Amino acid sequence: MAKRLTAYVSGKIQKTGYRARVVDYARVLNLKGTVENLDNGRVRIVAEGDDDRPNLFERAIDIKNTLIQVSSVESEYSSAIGDIPKFYKLVEEDGTDTELDTINELLEDLIDAVNNMNEHTSSVKRSIIV
């Protein structure tokens, strides 16, 4: 039976690539719906799908990494309506969302590379000392 999840997410989530991640997770789970920034700093997510997929999705959107820090997810379930053809990001007319998401992904890759470099440097230092 299909159901609809409506979630309001709070935390350090706007301008971090959060919505792009949400879209990726939703598409992997074959969900339909939308994700959008709200003026109050939260993000609203509507997702519909069969079986336990909306529940899995609810857990997946509670993201905590270097840039994204979800502090709360307020969720509500209802019957699916079937009014959304695919999962997509609702954006304002400024058109900068795609560029910001791309920059965010590149920044995350850079942070990971620096962290890996630091770990490698530390292990080299330890082997020199020993």
N, C-alpha and C. Protein backbone atom coordinates (compact mmCIF):
# COMPACT_ATOMS: atom_id res chain seq x y z
N MET A 1 0.84 -1.18 0.00
CA MET A 1 0.00 0.00 0.00
C MET A 1 0.89 1.25 0.00
N ALA A 2 0.59 2.18 -0.85
CA ALA A 2 1.38 3.40 -0.96
C ALA A 2 1.01 4.38 0.15
N LYS A 3 2.05 5.06 0.64
CA LYS A 3 1.80 6.08 1.65
C LYS A 3 2.63 7.32 1.36
N ARG A 4 2.22 8.41 2.00
CA ARG A 4 2.87 9.71 1.82
C ARG A 4 3.53 10.13 3.12
N LEU A 5 4.79 10.53 3.01
CA LEU A 5 5.53 11.10 4.12
C LEU A 5 5.64 12.60 3.87
N THR A 6 5.26 13.39 4.86
CA THR A 6 5.52 14.83 4.82
C THR A 6 6.45 15.10 6.00
N ALA A 7 7.63 15.65 5.70
CA ALA A 7 8.64 15.88 6.74
C ALA A 7 9.10 17.32 6.70
N TYR A 8 9.28 17.88 7.89
CA TYR A 8 9.88 19.20 8.05
C TYR A 8 11.20 19.00 8.76
N VAL A 9 12.27 19.39 8.08
CA VAL A 9 13.62 19.11 8.56
C VAL A 9 14.27 20.42 9.00
N SER A 10 14.92 20.38 10.17
CA SER A 10 15.61 21.54 10.72
C SER A 10 17.08 21.23 10.90
N GLY A 11 17.88 22.27 11.01
CA GLY A 11 19.31 22.13 11.25
C GLY A 11 20.11 22.97 10.28
N LYS A 12 21.37 22.64 10.15
CA LYS A 12 22.25 23.31 9.19
C LYS A 12 22.07 22.55 7.86
N ILE A 13 21.04 22.96 7.10
CA ILE A 13 20.65 22.19 5.93
C ILE A 13 20.48 23.02 4.67
N GLN A 14 20.26 24.31 4.79
CA GLN A 14 20.12 25.13 3.59
C GLN A 14 21.50 25.60 3.13
N LYS A 15 21.69 25.60 1.82
CA LYS A 15 22.95 25.99 1.18
C LYS A 15 24.09 25.03 1.54
N THR A 16 23.74 23.75 1.71
CA THR A 16 24.73 22.73 2.04
C THR A 16 24.71 21.55 1.07
N GLY A 17 23.79 21.56 0.11
CA GLY A 17 23.63 20.41 -0.79
C GLY A 17 22.67 19.37 -0.24
N TYR A 18 21.98 19.72 0.83
CA TYR A 18 21.06 18.78 1.47
C TYR A 18 19.97 18.31 0.51
N ARG A 19 19.34 19.26 -0.19
CA ARG A 19 18.24 18.87 -1.07
C ARG A 19 18.70 17.94 -2.19
N ALA A 20 19.91 18.16 -2.69
CA ALA A 20 20.44 17.26 -3.74
C ALA A 20 20.59 15.85 -3.20
N ARG A 21 21.06 15.71 -1.97
CA ARG A 21 21.19 14.39 -1.35
C ARG A 21 19.82 13.74 -1.18
N VAL A 22 18.85 14.54 -0.75
CA VAL A 22 17.49 14.03 -0.56
C VAL A 22 16.94 13.49 -1.89
N VAL A 23 17.15 14.24 -2.95
CA VAL A 23 16.70 13.79 -4.27
C VAL A 23 17.37 12.47 -4.64
N ASP A 24 18.67 12.37 -4.42
CA ASP A 24 19.39 11.12 -4.72
C ASP A 24 18.80 9.94 -3.95
N TYR A 25 18.59 10.10 -2.65
CA TYR A 25 18.04 9.02 -1.83
C TYR A 25 16.64 8.64 -2.30
N ALA A 26 15.82 9.64 -2.61
CA ALA A 26 14.45 9.38 -3.05
C ALA A 26 14.44 8.60 -4.36
N ARG A 27 15.32 8.97 -5.26
CA ARG A 27 15.35 8.27 -6.55
C ARG A 27 15.85 6.84 -6.40
N VAL A 28 16.81 6.61 -5.52
CA VAL A 28 17.28 5.24 -5.26
C VAL A 28 16.14 4.38 -4.73
N LEU A 29 15.29 4.97 -3.88
CA LEU A 29 14.17 4.24 -3.30
C LEU A 29 12.91 4.26 -4.18
N ASN A 30 13.04 4.88 -5.35
CA ASN A 30 11.93 4.96 -6.31
C ASN A 30 10.71 5.66 -5.72
N LEU A 31 10.96 6.76 -5.04
CA LEU A 31 9.88 7.57 -4.46
C LEU A 31 9.52 8.71 -5.40
N LYS A 32 8.34 9.23 -5.22
CA LYS A 32 7.89 10.42 -5.95
C LYS A 32 7.62 11.50 -4.93
N GLY A 33 7.93 12.76 -5.28
CA GLY A 33 7.69 13.84 -4.34
C GLY A 33 8.52 15.07 -4.62
N THR A 34 8.64 15.89 -3.60
CA THR A 34 9.37 17.16 -3.74
C THR A 34 10.16 17.46 -2.48
N VAL A 35 11.16 18.32 -2.65
CA VAL A 35 11.91 18.86 -1.52
C VAL A 35 12.10 20.34 -1.80
N GLU A 36 11.89 21.16 -0.76
CA GLU A 36 12.01 22.60 -0.97
C GLU A 36 12.49 23.31 0.30
N ASN A 37 13.26 24.38 0.10
CA ASN A 37 13.67 25.25 1.20
C ASN A 37 12.48 26.10 1.61
N LEU A 38 12.32 26.31 2.90
CA LEU A 38 11.30 27.20 3.42
C LEU A 38 11.96 28.47 3.92
N ASP A 39 11.20 29.54 3.97
CA ASP A 39 11.74 30.83 4.41
C ASP A 39 12.22 30.82 5.86
N ASN A 40 11.71 29.91 6.67
CA ASN A 40 12.09 29.87 8.09
C ASN A 40 13.36 29.06 8.35
N GLY A 41 14.05 28.64 7.27
CA GLY A 41 15.31 27.91 7.42
C GLY A 41 15.15 26.40 7.40
N ARG A 42 13.91 25.92 7.43
CA ARG A 42 13.68 24.48 7.38
C ARG A 42 13.52 24.02 5.93
N VAL A 43 13.45 22.71 5.77
CA VAL A 43 13.21 22.11 4.46
C VAL A 43 11.97 21.24 4.57
N ARG A 44 11.09 21.36 3.59
CA ARG A 44 9.87 20.55 3.55
C ARG A 44 10.06 19.46 2.50
N ILE A 45 9.75 18.23 2.89
CA ILE A 45 9.88 17.09 1.98
C ILE A 45 8.54 16.35 1.93
N VAL A 46 8.08 16.07 0.73
CA VAL A 46 6.91 15.23 0.52
C VAL A 46 7.37 14.06 -0.32
N ALA A 47 7.14 12.84 0.16
CA ALA A 47 7.59 11.65 -0.57
C ALA A 47 6.53 10.57 -0.50
N GLU A 48 6.26 9.97 -1.65
CA GLU A 48 5.30 8.88 -1.71
C GLU A 48 5.96 7.63 -2.26
N GLY A 49 5.56 6.48 -1.70
CA GLY A 49 6.09 5.24 -2.21
C GLY A 49 5.40 4.04 -1.58
N ASP A 50 5.71 2.88 -2.12
CA ASP A 50 5.12 1.63 -1.67
C ASP A 50 5.91 1.02 -0.53
N ASP A 51 5.25 0.11 0.16
CA ASP A 51 5.86 -0.72 1.19
C ASP A 51 6.48 0.14 2.29
N ASP A 52 7.70 -0.21 2.66
CA ASP A 52 8.38 0.47 3.76
C ASP A 52 9.33 1.56 3.26
N ARG A 53 9.29 1.86 1.97
CA ARG A 53 10.25 2.81 1.41
C ARG A 53 10.19 4.21 2.03
N PRO A 54 9.00 4.76 2.28
CA PRO A 54 8.98 6.07 2.95
C PRO A 54 9.63 6.04 4.34
N ASN A 55 9.47 4.91 5.06
CA ASN A 55 10.11 4.78 6.38
C ASN A 55 11.63 4.75 6.25
N LEU A 56 12.13 3.99 5.28
CA LEU A 56 13.57 3.94 5.03
C LEU A 56 14.09 5.32 4.66
N PHE A 57 13.33 6.01 3.84
CA PHE A 57 13.69 7.35 3.39
C PHE A 57 13.76 8.32 4.57
N GLU A 58 12.79 8.20 5.47
CA GLU A 58 12.79 9.09 6.65
C GLU A 58 14.08 8.94 7.44
N ARG A 59 14.56 7.74 7.58
CA ARG A 59 15.83 7.53 8.30
C ARG A 59 17.01 8.08 7.48
N ALA A 60 16.95 7.92 6.17
CA ALA A 60 18.06 8.36 5.31
C ALA A 60 18.23 9.87 5.28
N ILE A 61 17.13 10.62 5.43
CA ILE A 61 17.23 12.08 5.32
C ILE A 61 17.75 12.74 6.59
N ASP A 62 17.97 11.96 7.63
CA ASP A 62 18.55 12.48 8.88
C ASP A 62 20.07 12.47 8.73
N ILE A 63 20.57 13.37 7.89
CA ILE A 63 21.97 13.39 7.47
C ILE A 63 22.82 14.23 8.43
N LYS A 64 23.99 13.67 8.75
CA LYS A 64 24.98 14.41 9.54
C LYS A 64 26.34 14.11 8.94
N ASN A 65 26.94 15.13 8.33
CA ASN A 65 28.29 14.98 7.78
C ASN A 65 29.03 16.30 7.95
N THR A 66 30.09 16.48 7.22
CA THR A 66 30.93 17.68 7.36
C THR A 66 30.15 18.97 7.14
N LEU A 67 29.25 18.98 6.15
CA LEU A 67 28.52 20.20 5.82
C LEU A 67 27.07 20.20 6.28
N ILE A 68 26.43 19.05 6.28
CA ILE A 68 25.00 18.94 6.60
C ILE A 68 24.84 18.43 8.03
N GLN A 69 24.05 19.14 8.81
CA GLN A 69 23.78 18.73 10.20
C GLN A 69 22.28 18.83 10.48
N VAL A 70 21.55 17.75 10.24
CA VAL A 70 20.12 17.72 10.55
C VAL A 70 19.98 17.65 12.06
N SER A 71 19.15 18.54 12.62
CA SER A 71 18.92 18.51 14.07
C SER A 71 17.58 17.86 14.41
N SER A 72 16.60 17.95 13.50
CA SER A 72 15.33 17.28 13.76
C SER A 72 14.57 17.03 12.45
N VAL A 73 13.77 15.96 12.49
CA VAL A 73 12.89 15.61 11.38
C VAL A 73 11.50 15.40 11.98
N GLU A 74 10.58 16.30 11.64
CA GLU A 74 9.19 16.17 12.10
C GLU A 74 8.42 15.52 10.97
N SER A 75 7.89 14.31 11.21
CA SER A 75 7.28 13.52 10.15
C SER A 75 5.81 13.24 10.41
N GLU A 76 5.09 13.14 9.30
CA GLU A 76 3.68 12.81 9.36
C GLU A 76 3.39 11.89 8.17
N TYR A 77 2.64 10.83 8.41
CA TYR A 77 2.29 9.89 7.34
C TYR A 77 0.80 9.98 7.03
N SER A 78 0.48 9.79 5.75
CA SER A 78 -0.90 9.77 5.31
C SER A 78 -1.00 8.85 4.08
N SER A 79 -2.18 8.70 3.56
CA SER A 79 -2.35 7.90 2.35
C SER A 79 -1.76 8.65 1.16
N ALA A 80 -1.19 7.90 0.24
CA ALA A 80 -0.62 8.51 -0.97
C ALA A 80 -1.73 9.13 -1.81
N ILE A 81 -1.40 10.24 -2.45
CA ILE A 81 -2.35 10.92 -3.33
C ILE A 81 -2.06 10.60 -4.79
N GLY A 82 -0.76 10.44 -5.12
CA GLY A 82 -0.38 10.12 -6.50
C GLY A 82 -0.38 11.31 -7.43
N ASP A 83 -0.21 12.51 -6.88
CA ASP A 83 -0.27 13.72 -7.70
C ASP A 83 1.10 14.23 -8.16
N ILE A 84 2.18 13.53 -7.84
CA ILE A 84 3.52 13.98 -8.21
C ILE A 84 4.15 12.91 -9.10
N PRO A 85 4.60 13.26 -10.32
CA PRO A 85 5.06 12.25 -11.28
C PRO A 85 6.46 11.66 -11.02
N LYS A 86 7.32 12.40 -10.31
CA LYS A 86 8.68 11.94 -10.02
C LYS A 86 9.16 12.68 -8.78
N PHE A 87 10.40 12.44 -8.36
CA PHE A 87 10.94 13.18 -7.22
C PHE A 87 11.83 14.30 -7.75
N TYR A 88 11.58 15.53 -7.29
CA TYR A 88 12.37 16.66 -7.76
C TYR A 88 12.45 17.75 -6.71
N LYS A 89 13.38 18.66 -6.94
CA LYS A 89 13.63 19.78 -6.06
C LYS A 89 12.84 20.98 -6.56
N LEU A 90 12.07 21.59 -5.67
CA LEU A 90 11.39 22.83 -6.00
C LEU A 90 12.38 23.97 -5.78
N VAL A 91 12.56 24.81 -6.78
CA VAL A 91 13.55 25.89 -6.68
C VAL A 91 12.92 27.23 -7.03
N GLU A 92 13.55 28.27 -6.52
CA GLU A 92 13.12 29.62 -6.86
C GLU A 92 13.67 29.98 -8.22
N GLU A 93 13.25 31.09 -8.76
CA GLU A 93 13.61 31.48 -10.12
C GLU A 93 15.05 31.93 -10.30
N ASP A 94 15.84 32.08 -9.23
CA ASP A 94 17.20 32.62 -9.38
C ASP A 94 18.14 31.69 -10.14
N GLY A 95 17.83 30.39 -10.22
CA GLY A 95 18.60 29.47 -11.04
C GLY A 95 19.97 29.10 -10.52
N THR A 96 20.31 29.46 -9.29
CA THR A 96 21.65 29.17 -8.79
C THR A 96 21.75 27.83 -8.10
N ASP A 97 20.64 27.15 -7.92
CA ASP A 97 20.64 25.89 -7.16
C ASP A 97 21.58 24.84 -7.74
N THR A 98 21.54 24.62 -9.03
CA THR A 98 22.37 23.59 -9.64
C THR A 98 23.85 23.90 -9.44
N GLU A 99 24.22 25.15 -9.64
CA GLU A 99 25.61 25.53 -9.45
C GLU A 99 26.05 25.35 -8.00
N LEU A 100 25.20 25.74 -7.05
CA LEU A 100 25.53 25.58 -5.64
C LEU A 100 25.67 24.11 -5.27
N ASP A 101 24.80 23.27 -5.79
CA ASP A 101 24.89 21.84 -5.50
C ASP A 101 26.19 21.25 -6.04
N THR A 102 26.57 21.66 -7.25
CA THR A 102 27.81 21.17 -7.84
C THR A 102 29.01 21.62 -7.02
N ILE A 103 29.02 22.88 -6.64
CA ILE A 103 30.11 23.41 -5.82
C ILE A 103 30.16 22.68 -4.48
N ASN A 104 29.00 22.42 -3.89
CA ASN A 104 28.96 21.72 -2.61
C ASN A 104 29.54 20.32 -2.73
N GLU A 105 29.19 19.59 -3.79
CA GLU A 105 29.73 18.24 -3.98
C GLU A 105 31.25 18.28 -4.14
N LEU A 106 31.75 19.25 -4.90
CA LEU A 106 33.20 19.38 -5.07
C LEU A 106 33.88 19.73 -3.76
N LEU A 107 33.25 20.59 -2.97
CA LEU A 107 33.81 20.96 -1.67
C LEU A 107 33.85 19.75 -0.74
N GLU A 108 32.80 18.93 -0.74
CA GLU A 108 32.80 17.72 0.08
C GLU A 108 33.95 16.79 -0.34
N ASP A 109 34.17 16.65 -1.66
CA ASP A 109 35.27 15.81 -2.15
C ASP A 109 36.61 16.36 -1.68
N LEU A 110 36.76 17.69 -1.72
CA LEU A 110 37.99 18.33 -1.28
C LEU A 110 38.22 18.09 0.22
N ILE A 111 37.17 18.24 1.02
CA ILE A 111 37.29 18.01 2.47
C ILE A 111 37.70 16.56 2.74
N ASP A 112 37.07 15.62 2.04
CA ASP A 112 37.44 14.21 2.21
C ASP A 112 38.90 13.97 1.83
N ALA A 113 39.34 14.58 0.73
CA ALA A 113 40.73 14.41 0.29
C ALA A 113 41.70 14.97 1.33
N VAL A 114 41.40 16.13 1.88
CA VAL A 114 42.27 16.73 2.90
C VAL A 114 42.29 15.85 4.15
N ASN A 115 41.13 15.35 4.56
CA ASN A 115 41.08 14.47 5.73
C ASN A 115 41.90 13.21 5.50
N ASN A 116 41.79 12.62 4.31
CA ASN A 116 42.57 11.43 3.98
C ASN A 116 44.07 11.74 3.97
N MET A 117 44.42 12.91 3.45
CA MET A 117 45.81 13.31 3.42
C MET A 117 46.35 13.47 4.85
N ASN A 118 45.54 14.08 5.72
CA ASN A 118 45.94 14.25 7.11
C ASN A 118 46.14 12.91 7.80
N GLU A 119 45.25 11.95 7.55
CA GLU A 119 45.38 10.61 8.14
C GLU A 119 46.65 9.94 7.63
N HIS A 120 46.91 10.07 6.33
CA HIS A 120 48.11 9.46 5.75
C HIS A 120 49.37 10.09 6.34
N THR A 121 49.38 11.42 6.47
CA THR A 121 50.53 12.13 7.03
C THR A 121 50.78 11.70 8.47
N SER A 122 49.72 11.54 9.25
CA SER A 122 49.86 11.10 10.64
C SER A 122 50.46 9.71 10.72
N SER A 123 50.03 8.81 9.84
CA SER A 123 50.57 7.44 9.88
C SER A 123 52.04 7.43 9.45
N VAL A 124 52.41 8.28 8.50
CA VAL A 124 53.81 8.38 8.09
C VAL A 124 54.66 8.90 9.24
N LYS A 125 54.17 9.93 9.95
CA LYS A 125 54.90 10.48 11.09
C LYS A 125 55.10 9.41 12.16
N ARG A 126 54.06 8.62 12.44
CA ARG A 126 54.16 7.56 13.45
C ARG A 126 55.18 6.53 13.05
N SER A 127 55.23 6.16 11.78
CA SER A 127 56.20 5.14 11.35
C SER A 127 57.62 5.68 11.38
N ILE A 128 57.83 6.97 11.17
CA ILE A 128 59.16 7.57 11.26
C ILE A 128 59.64 7.58 12.70
N ILE A 129 58.72 7.91 13.62
CA ILE A 129 59.07 8.01 15.03
C ILE A 129 59.41 6.63 15.59
N VAL A 130 58.68 5.61 15.18
CA VAL A 130 58.90 4.26 15.70
C VAL A 130 60.12 3.72 15.05
